[in-house]
Amino acid sequence: MSTFKDHFSKVAGAYRAFRPGYPPELFTWLAGSVERHDAALDCGCGNGQASVALAEHFSSVVAVDPGEEQIRHAQTHPRVVYRVAPAERTGLPDHSFDLVTAAQALHWFDFDRFYPEVRRVARAKAVFAAFTYGLIEVDDRVDTVIGTLYGEILHGFWPRERAHVDAGYRSLPFPFEEAEAPAFAMQLSWSFEQLMGYLATWSGVNAYRRRTGEDPLVKIGPALEAAWGPRQVGRAVRWPITLRAGRVDEEGAA
């Protein structure tokens, strides 16, 4: 991509309220993958969910996102500095970060420009890590209704970059020698209202609303509620995470 495609600024507040947080053990693993913990860079940071988690392990974190509304709604932390800037042109000093991350964001980047930027800002022995999560998992009944929304009702309304998420980022170029990473997942207990709030942040849902004037969540609401059960009852929800990580200056990297 050559220009910023803003799919989330209009729902930035809801994005902060309803997007799930990443498990702490993911950031413990990332911190353990590097020798120094002076500075981390979070690219495409959105509302800062990964940024503030990184700050528990690094002395300072710089978080960049091209969306002004996302930055405006970002979570504050004394060791996190937010900047409105694209991942491909951060404006940050050369060789200044021990870890560079992209959380649920790499599929939006211009890879031909982004990966040289990673190499420019990375220190010796720095690691780059990108992670993404797939469809929410609850149980067979709920998953079937959400699958109908995702694959049928919203067919043709997803940005083309979403296919990389469906592929667990295996379809993306990754010009670093990868480390073997453990499996992670996000797990929460949610009410029906929280589930609906989360679905409302989907880029496909908002594209459908803009282009048709209708709400796709209304179409699946009754079936989803019937599958869920009592609205206020907390249900276990889960998202599997795919992590790709590699040393930026690893010998033999492309």
Protein backbone atom coordinates (compact mmCIF):
# COMPACT_ATOMS: atom_id res chain seq x y z
CA MET A 1 0.00 0.00 0.00
CA SER A 2 1.27 3.47 -0.83
CA THR A 3 -1.17 5.59 1.16
CA PHE A 4 -2.74 5.32 4.60
CA LYS A 5 -6.06 3.49 4.48
CA ASP A 6 -7.94 4.60 7.57
CA HIS A 7 -10.40 1.86 8.53
CA PHE A 8 -10.56 2.54 12.27
CA SER A 9 -10.40 6.23 13.21
CA LYS A 10 -14.18 6.64 13.21
CA VAL A 11 -14.47 3.82 15.74
CA ALA A 12 -11.34 4.64 17.73
CA GLY A 13 -13.24 4.98 21.02
CA ALA A 14 -15.00 1.65 20.53
CA TYR A 15 -11.74 0.11 19.40
CA ARG A 16 -10.18 1.00 22.72
CA ALA A 17 -13.23 -0.20 24.68
CA PHE A 18 -13.82 -3.53 22.96
CA ARG A 19 -10.62 -4.77 21.36
CA PRO A 20 -9.07 -7.55 23.47
CA GLY A 21 -5.74 -7.14 25.22
CA TYR A 22 -2.77 -9.38 24.56
CA PRO A 23 -1.59 -11.95 27.13
CA PRO A 24 1.28 -10.81 29.39
CA GLU A 25 3.28 -13.96 28.61
CA LEU A 26 3.57 -12.84 24.97
CA PHE A 27 5.51 -9.74 26.04
CA THR A 28 7.58 -11.70 28.51
CA TRP A 29 8.66 -13.92 25.63
CA LEU A 30 9.39 -10.93 23.39
CA ALA A 31 11.48 -9.30 26.11
CA GLY A 32 13.39 -12.53 26.53
CA SER A 33 14.23 -12.60 22.83
CA VAL A 34 16.49 -9.52 23.04
CA GLU A 35 19.62 -8.77 25.08
CA ARG A 36 18.92 -5.11 25.79
CA HIS A 37 15.73 -3.55 27.10
CA ASP A 38 16.39 0.15 26.66
CA ALA A 39 13.87 0.96 23.94
CA ALA A 40 11.07 -0.66 21.94
CA LEU A 41 9.16 0.65 18.93
CA ASP A 42 5.51 -0.31 18.35
CA CYS A 43 4.46 0.32 14.74
CA GLY A 44 0.81 0.77 13.81
CA CYS A 45 0.11 0.99 17.53
CA GLY A 46 -3.61 1.82 17.31
CA ASN A 47 -4.81 2.60 20.82
CA GLY A 48 -1.61 1.37 22.44
CA GLN A 49 -2.64 -2.04 23.77
CA ALA A 50 0.71 -3.58 22.87
CA SER A 51 2.62 -0.37 23.59
CA VAL A 52 1.73 -0.21 27.27
CA ALA A 53 2.42 -3.94 27.66
CA LEU A 54 5.88 -3.47 26.18
CA ALA A 55 6.51 -0.68 28.69
CA GLU A 56 6.46 -3.27 31.47
CA HIS A 57 9.67 -4.72 30.02
CA PHE A 58 11.46 -1.79 28.34
CA SER A 59 12.74 1.47 29.76
CA SER A 60 11.04 3.44 27.00
CA VAL A 61 8.56 2.72 24.23
CA VAL A 62 7.80 4.82 21.16
CA ALA A 63 4.46 4.02 19.55
CA VAL A 64 3.56 5.30 16.09
CA ASP A 65 0.31 5.22 14.13
CA PRO A 66 -0.86 7.33 11.17
CA GLY A 67 -4.36 7.67 12.65
CA GLU A 68 -4.70 10.81 14.76
CA GLU A 69 -7.90 9.56 16.39
CA GLN A 70 -6.26 6.31 17.40
CA ILE A 71 -3.42 8.21 19.05
CA ARG A 72 -5.90 10.55 20.73
CA HIS A 73 -7.63 7.55 22.32
CA ALA A 74 -4.41 5.72 23.17
CA GLN A 75 -3.78 4.37 26.64
CA THR A 76 -1.34 6.50 28.58
CA HIS A 77 1.77 5.19 30.31
CA PRO A 78 4.73 7.12 31.73
CA ARG A 79 7.21 5.16 29.60
CA VAL A 80 5.25 5.35 26.33
CA VAL A 81 5.57 8.24 23.87
CA TYR A 82 3.00 8.33 21.05
CA ARG A 83 3.65 9.85 17.63
CA VAL A 84 1.34 10.31 14.66
CA ALA A 85 3.50 8.80 11.94
CA PRO A 86 3.40 5.96 9.42
CA ALA A 87 5.34 2.78 10.15
CA GLU A 88 7.23 3.24 6.89
CA ARG A 89 8.52 6.70 7.85
CA THR A 90 8.76 7.03 11.61
CA GLY A 91 11.17 9.95 11.69
CA LEU A 92 13.03 8.29 14.55
CA PRO A 93 16.83 8.09 14.94
CA ASP A 94 18.94 5.38 13.33
CA HIS A 95 19.87 2.30 15.34
CA SER A 96 17.84 3.24 18.42
CA PHE A 97 15.56 0.28 19.25
CA ASP A 98 16.13 -3.16 20.72
CA LEU A 99 12.72 -4.50 19.66
CA VAL A 100 10.36 -3.43 16.88
CA THR A 101 6.80 -4.77 16.91
CA ALA A 102 3.67 -4.66 14.78
CA ALA A 103 0.57 -5.87 16.62
CA GLN A 104 -2.37 -6.69 14.33
CA ALA A 105 -0.96 -4.10 11.93
CA LEU A 106 1.69 -5.55 9.61
CA HIS A 107 -0.84 -6.41 6.90
CA TRP A 108 -1.55 -2.70 6.40
CA PHE A 109 2.07 -1.72 5.72
CA ASP A 110 3.98 -1.09 2.51
CA PHE A 111 6.55 -3.86 2.93
CA ASP A 112 9.04 -2.44 0.43
CA ARG A 113 9.28 0.69 2.56
CA PHE A 114 8.63 -0.74 6.00
CA TYR A 115 11.32 -3.39 6.23
CA PRO A 116 14.13 -0.96 5.31
CA GLU A 117 12.76 1.33 8.02
CA VAL A 118 12.95 -1.54 10.54
CA ARG A 119 16.59 -2.14 9.61
CA ARG A 120 17.33 1.58 9.88
CA VAL A 121 15.95 2.07 13.39
CA ALA A 122 17.03 -1.30 14.81
CA ARG A 123 20.14 -1.66 16.95
CA ALA A 124 22.55 -4.54 16.61
CA LYS A 125 20.91 -7.82 17.70
CA ALA A 126 17.45 -6.22 17.66
CA VAL A 127 14.39 -8.37 16.98
CA PHE A 128 11.37 -7.62 14.82
CA ALA A 129 8.10 -9.29 15.80
CA ALA A 130 4.68 -9.19 14.19
CA PHE A 131 1.62 -10.85 15.65
CA THR A 132 -1.99 -11.20 14.60
CA TYR A 133 -5.12 -12.88 15.90
CA GLY A 134 -7.86 -14.66 13.99
CA LEU A 135 -11.60 -15.06 14.46
CA ILE A 136 -13.02 -15.09 17.94
CA GLU A 137 -13.83 -18.56 19.29
CA VAL A 138 -16.65 -19.28 21.75
CA ASP A 139 -18.40 -22.57 20.97
CA ASP A 140 -19.75 -24.32 17.89
CA ARG A 141 -23.12 -22.55 17.89
CA VAL A 142 -21.76 -19.04 18.42
CA ASP A 143 -18.83 -19.64 16.08
CA THR A 144 -21.21 -20.73 13.31
CA VAL A 145 -23.22 -17.49 13.50
CA ILE A 146 -20.08 -15.35 13.59
CA GLY A 147 -18.68 -17.35 10.69
CA THR A 148 -21.81 -16.54 8.67
CA LEU A 149 -21.32 -12.85 9.40
CA TYR A 150 -17.62 -12.97 8.59
CA GLY A 151 -17.61 -15.12 5.48
CA GLU A 152 -21.05 -14.64 3.93
CA ILE A 153 -22.75 -11.38 4.93
CA LEU A 154 -19.49 -9.41 4.88
CA HIS A 155 -18.09 -11.12 1.80
CA GLY A 156 -16.76 -8.37 -0.47
CA PHE A 157 -16.70 -5.81 2.33
CA TRP A 158 -13.36 -6.74 3.87
CA PRO A 159 -10.22 -4.85 2.82
CA ARG A 160 -8.07 -7.12 0.67
CA GLU A 161 -5.31 -6.97 3.30
CA ARG A 162 -7.55 -8.96 5.66
CA ALA A 163 -6.60 -12.12 3.73
CA HIS A 164 -3.17 -11.94 5.37
CA VAL A 165 -4.80 -12.17 8.81
CA ASP A 166 -6.81 -15.19 7.68
CA ALA A 167 -3.52 -16.77 6.58
CA GLY A 168 -1.93 -16.15 9.96
CA TYR A 169 0.55 -13.76 8.31
CA ARG A 170 2.15 -16.70 6.46
CA SER A 171 1.30 -14.98 3.18
CA LEU A 172 3.36 -11.90 4.10
CA PRO A 173 7.02 -11.37 3.25
CA PHE A 174 9.27 -11.76 6.28
CA PRO A 175 12.90 -11.00 5.39
CA PHE A 176 14.40 -12.16 8.68
CA GLU A 177 15.49 -15.56 9.87
CA GLU A 178 12.65 -16.61 12.12
CA ALA A 179 12.88 -17.84 15.66
CA GLU A 180 10.63 -20.64 16.83
CA ALA A 181 7.85 -19.02 18.82
CA PRO A 182 5.39 -20.63 21.23
CA ALA A 183 1.63 -20.56 20.71
CA PHE A 184 -0.28 -17.78 22.45
CA ALA A 185 -3.95 -16.91 22.74
CA MET A 186 -6.06 -14.10 24.14
CA GLN A 187 -8.75 -15.31 26.55
CA LEU A 188 -11.46 -13.29 28.28
CA SER A 189 -14.89 -13.62 29.87
CA TRP A 190 -17.43 -11.47 28.00
CA SER A 191 -21.10 -10.59 28.09
CA PHE A 192 -23.20 -10.51 24.95
CA GLU A 193 -22.97 -6.71 24.87
CA GLN A 194 -19.18 -6.87 24.89
CA LEU A 195 -19.24 -9.35 22.03
CA MET A 196 -21.48 -7.07 19.97
CA GLY A 197 -19.32 -4.07 20.79
CA TYR A 198 -16.29 -5.96 19.54
CA LEU A 199 -17.98 -7.04 16.30
CA ALA A 200 -18.94 -3.39 15.70
CA THR A 201 -15.23 -2.51 15.46
CA TRP A 202 -14.65 -4.84 12.50
CA SER A 203 -13.59 -2.98 9.38
CA GLY A 204 -15.92 -5.19 7.30
CA VAL A 205 -18.90 -4.27 9.48
CA ASN A 206 -18.21 -0.57 9.11
CA ALA A 207 -17.66 -0.86 5.35
CA TYR A 208 -21.03 -2.63 5.08
CA ARG A 209 -22.73 0.14 7.03
CA ARG A 210 -21.18 2.87 4.88
CA ARG A 211 -21.94 1.22 1.57
CA THR A 212 -25.44 -0.17 2.23
CA GLY A 213 -26.84 2.08 4.95
CA GLU A 214 -27.77 -1.07 6.89
CA ASP A 215 -26.29 -2.73 9.96
CA PRO A 216 -25.10 -6.31 9.38
CA LEU A 217 -25.17 -6.95 13.13
CA VAL A 218 -28.95 -6.56 13.05
CA LYS A 219 -29.08 -9.41 10.54
CA ILE A 220 -27.33 -11.86 12.84
CA GLY A 221 -28.38 -10.40 16.20
CA PRO A 222 -31.27 -12.76 17.04
CA ALA A 223 -29.42 -15.89 15.97
CA LEU A 224 -26.29 -14.81 17.80
CA GLU A 225 -28.19 -14.03 21.00
CA ALA A 226 -29.98 -17.38 20.86
CA ALA A 227 -26.66 -19.16 20.48
CA TRP A 228 -25.08 -17.11 23.26
CA GLY A 229 -27.72 -17.50 25.95
CA PRO A 230 -28.51 -14.93 28.68
CA ARG A 231 -27.07 -11.58 27.63
CA GLN A 232 -25.32 -10.74 30.90
CA VAL A 233 -23.80 -14.15 31.49
CA GLY A 234 -20.06 -14.12 30.99
CA ARG A 235 -18.85 -16.55 28.37
CA ALA A 236 -15.26 -17.63 27.74
CA VAL A 237 -13.99 -16.14 24.48
CA ARG A 238 -10.67 -16.85 22.81
CA TRP A 239 -8.53 -15.64 19.92
CA PRO A 240 -5.52 -17.69 18.73
CA ILE A 241 -2.42 -15.58 18.10
CA THR A 242 0.13 -16.09 15.35
CA LEU A 243 3.59 -14.66 16.10
CA ARG A 244 6.45 -14.22 13.65
CA ALA A 245 9.75 -13.00 15.07
CA GLY A 246 13.32 -12.78 13.82
CA ARG A 247 16.61 -11.04 14.50
CA VAL A 248 16.94 -8.04 12.21
CA ASP A 249 20.68 -8.41 11.60
CA GLU A 250 20.73 -12.23 11.66
CA GLU A 251 23.39 -13.58 9.33
CA GLY A 252 21.76 -14.99 6.22
CA ALA A 253 18.61 -12.85 6.45
CA ALA A 254 17.23 -11.72 3.12
